[in-house]
Amino acid sequence: MSEPVDKECADPTSHHLHICQLKKKGLHEEVAARTNDPGYICHNCNIMANNAEDLCNCSPFIKRA
């Protein structure tokens, strides 16, 4: 059996800047700018982002051509 995914933020002091929080605030243009060329995915909410620091619990992924 696999390990459960930790739903906590890896960087709680910057959580207010993460994409999940920006979406909740309705900052759609800011979210679009941070997700236009994703290379990371959040294991909490499955949001993809350009930079790891924009996500709570992320890992890089390989882009397919």
N, C-alpha and C. Protein backbone atom coordinates (compact mmCIF):
# COMPACT_ATOMS: atom_id res chain seq x y z
N MET A 1 0.84 -1.17 0.00
CA MET A 1 0.00 0.00 0.00
C MET A 1 0.89 1.24 0.00
N SER A 2 0.48 2.29 -0.70
CA SER A 2 1.29 3.51 -0.77
C SER A 2 1.07 4.39 0.45
N GLU A 3 2.05 5.28 0.68
CA GLU A 3 1.97 6.22 1.78
C GLU A 3 0.89 7.27 1.50
N PRO A 4 0.15 7.73 2.50
CA PRO A 4 -0.82 8.80 2.27
C PRO A 4 -0.10 10.11 1.96
N VAL A 5 -0.72 10.94 1.17
CA VAL A 5 -0.14 12.23 0.79
C VAL A 5 -0.33 13.21 1.94
N ASP A 6 0.74 13.91 2.30
CA ASP A 6 0.69 14.92 3.36
C ASP A 6 -0.01 16.15 2.80
N LYS A 7 -1.13 16.53 3.41
CA LYS A 7 -1.93 17.65 2.91
C LYS A 7 -1.50 18.99 3.48
N GLU A 8 -0.42 19.04 4.21
CA GLU A 8 0.04 20.30 4.78
C GLU A 8 0.96 21.01 3.81
N CYS A 9 1.04 22.30 3.99
CA CYS A 9 1.90 23.14 3.15
C CYS A 9 3.35 23.02 3.63
N ALA A 10 4.25 22.83 2.66
CA ALA A 10 5.68 22.72 2.99
C ALA A 10 6.28 24.06 3.41
N ASP A 11 5.61 25.15 3.05
CA ASP A 11 6.10 26.50 3.38
C ASP A 11 4.94 27.37 3.87
N PRO A 12 4.45 27.12 5.09
CA PRO A 12 3.26 27.83 5.57
C PRO A 12 3.43 29.35 5.65
N THR A 13 4.64 29.84 5.81
CA THR A 13 4.83 31.29 5.89
C THR A 13 4.56 31.98 4.55
N SER A 14 4.70 31.24 3.46
CA SER A 14 4.42 31.79 2.13
C SER A 14 3.12 31.27 1.54
N HIS A 15 2.34 30.57 2.33
CA HIS A 15 1.12 29.94 1.82
C HIS A 15 0.17 30.95 1.17
N HIS A 16 0.13 32.15 1.68
CA HIS A 16 -0.77 33.17 1.11
C HIS A 16 -0.39 33.54 -0.32
N LEU A 17 0.80 33.16 -0.77
CA LEU A 17 1.26 33.44 -2.14
C LEU A 17 1.11 32.24 -3.07
N HIS A 18 0.68 31.12 -2.56
CA HIS A 18 0.54 29.91 -3.37
C HIS A 18 -0.70 30.01 -4.26
N ILE A 19 -0.65 29.29 -5.37
CA ILE A 19 -1.71 29.36 -6.36
C ILE A 19 -3.07 28.98 -5.79
N CYS A 20 -3.13 28.01 -4.91
CA CYS A 20 -4.43 27.63 -4.32
C CYS A 20 -5.07 28.81 -3.60
N GLN A 21 -4.27 29.63 -2.94
CA GLN A 21 -4.79 30.79 -2.23
C GLN A 21 -5.13 31.92 -3.19
N LEU A 22 -4.32 32.09 -4.22
CA LEU A 22 -4.61 33.12 -5.23
C LEU A 22 -5.93 32.82 -5.94
N LYS A 23 -6.19 31.52 -6.20
CA LYS A 23 -7.47 31.14 -6.82
C LYS A 23 -8.64 31.47 -5.90
N LYS A 24 -8.48 31.19 -4.62
CA LYS A 24 -9.54 31.49 -3.65
C LYS A 24 -9.84 32.98 -3.58
N LYS A 25 -8.81 33.80 -3.80
CA LYS A 25 -8.97 35.26 -3.77
C LYS A 25 -9.50 35.81 -5.10
N GLY A 26 -9.64 34.94 -6.11
CA GLY A 26 -10.15 35.38 -7.40
C GLY A 26 -9.13 36.09 -8.28
N LEU A 27 -7.85 35.87 -8.02
CA LEU A 27 -6.79 36.53 -8.78
C LEU A 27 -6.43 35.69 -10.01
N HIS A 28 -7.38 35.60 -10.94
CA HIS A 28 -7.26 34.71 -12.10
C HIS A 28 -6.12 35.10 -13.04
N GLU A 29 -5.87 36.37 -13.24
CA GLU A 29 -4.78 36.79 -14.11
C GLU A 29 -3.42 36.42 -13.52
N GLU A 30 -3.29 36.56 -12.22
CA GLU A 30 -2.05 36.18 -11.53
C GLU A 30 -1.83 34.67 -11.62
N VAL A 31 -2.90 33.90 -11.44
CA VAL A 31 -2.81 32.44 -11.56
C VAL A 31 -2.41 32.06 -12.98
N ALA A 32 -3.02 32.68 -13.97
CA ALA A 32 -2.71 32.38 -15.37
C ALA A 32 -1.24 32.65 -15.68
N ALA A 33 -0.70 33.72 -15.14
CA ALA A 33 0.70 34.07 -15.37
C ALA A 33 1.65 33.06 -14.72
N ARG A 34 1.21 32.43 -13.65
CA ARG A 34 2.07 31.47 -12.92
C ARG A 34 1.87 30.03 -13.37
N THR A 35 0.96 29.82 -14.33
CA THR A 35 0.66 28.45 -14.77
C THR A 35 0.74 28.29 -16.29
N ASN A 36 1.30 29.25 -16.99
CA ASN A 36 1.31 29.20 -18.45
C ASN A 36 2.35 28.25 -19.04
N ASP A 37 3.34 27.83 -18.27
CA ASP A 37 4.37 26.88 -18.74
C ASP A 37 4.77 25.98 -17.57
N PRO A 38 3.84 25.14 -17.11
CA PRO A 38 4.07 24.38 -15.87
C PRO A 38 5.15 23.32 -15.97
N GLY A 39 5.81 23.14 -14.85
CA GLY A 39 6.83 22.10 -14.72
C GLY A 39 6.75 21.42 -13.36
N TYR A 40 5.77 21.85 -12.52
CA TYR A 40 5.60 21.30 -11.17
C TYR A 40 4.12 21.04 -10.93
N ILE A 41 3.83 20.04 -10.10
CA ILE A 41 2.46 19.72 -9.74
C ILE A 41 2.34 19.63 -8.23
N CYS A 42 1.24 20.12 -7.70
CA CYS A 42 0.97 20.06 -6.26
C CYS A 42 0.26 18.74 -5.94
N HIS A 43 0.76 18.03 -4.96
CA HIS A 43 0.16 16.75 -4.57
C HIS A 43 -1.04 16.94 -3.64
N ASN A 44 -1.31 18.16 -3.22
CA ASN A 44 -2.48 18.43 -2.41
C ASN A 44 -3.71 18.70 -3.27
N CYS A 45 -3.53 19.53 -4.32
CA CYS A 45 -4.69 19.98 -5.10
C CYS A 45 -4.57 19.73 -6.60
N ASN A 46 -3.46 19.14 -7.04
CA ASN A 46 -3.22 18.81 -8.45
C ASN A 46 -3.09 20.02 -9.36
N ILE A 47 -2.86 21.19 -8.82
CA ILE A 47 -2.62 22.37 -9.63
C ILE A 47 -1.19 22.29 -10.17
N MET A 48 -1.01 22.66 -11.43
CA MET A 48 0.31 22.69 -12.03
C MET A 48 0.78 24.14 -12.10
N ALA A 49 2.09 24.36 -11.90
CA ALA A 49 2.65 25.72 -11.88
C ALA A 49 4.01 25.75 -12.55
N ASN A 50 4.41 26.95 -12.92
CA ASN A 50 5.72 27.16 -13.54
C ASN A 50 6.85 26.94 -12.54
N ASN A 51 6.63 27.36 -11.28
CA ASN A 51 7.69 27.34 -10.25
C ASN A 51 7.23 26.59 -9.01
N ALA A 52 8.15 25.88 -8.39
CA ALA A 52 7.84 25.10 -7.20
C ALA A 52 7.35 25.98 -6.05
N GLU A 53 7.89 27.18 -5.92
CA GLU A 53 7.52 28.03 -4.79
C GLU A 53 6.08 28.52 -4.84
N ASP A 54 5.38 28.26 -5.93
CA ASP A 54 3.98 28.65 -6.06
C ASP A 54 3.01 27.58 -5.57
N LEU A 55 3.54 26.46 -5.07
CA LEU A 55 2.72 25.32 -4.67
C LEU A 55 3.03 24.88 -3.25
N CYS A 56 2.08 24.17 -2.64
CA CYS A 56 2.22 23.73 -1.25
C CYS A 56 3.05 22.46 -1.07
N ASN A 57 2.80 21.47 -1.89
CA ASN A 57 3.39 20.15 -1.71
C ASN A 57 3.71 19.61 -3.10
N CYS A 58 4.80 20.08 -3.68
CA CYS A 58 5.01 19.84 -5.11
C CYS A 58 6.17 18.93 -5.43
N SER A 59 6.18 18.52 -6.69
CA SER A 59 7.31 17.82 -7.28
C SER A 59 7.34 18.17 -8.76
N PRO A 60 8.53 18.08 -9.37
CA PRO A 60 8.63 18.36 -10.80
C PRO A 60 8.03 17.21 -11.61
N PHE A 61 7.64 17.52 -12.83
CA PHE A 61 7.20 16.47 -13.74
C PHE A 61 7.85 16.69 -15.09
N ILE A 62 7.90 15.64 -15.87
CA ILE A 62 8.50 15.71 -17.19
C ILE A 62 7.43 16.08 -18.20
N LYS A 63 7.71 17.12 -18.96
CA LYS A 63 6.77 17.58 -19.98
C LYS A 63 6.87 16.67 -21.20
N ARG A 64 5.74 16.34 -21.75
CA ARG A 64 5.71 15.54 -22.98
C ARG A 64 5.57 16.48 -24.17
N ALA A 65 6.24 16.13 -25.24
CA ALA A 65 6.19 16.95 -26.45
C ALA A 65 4.92 16.74 -27.22
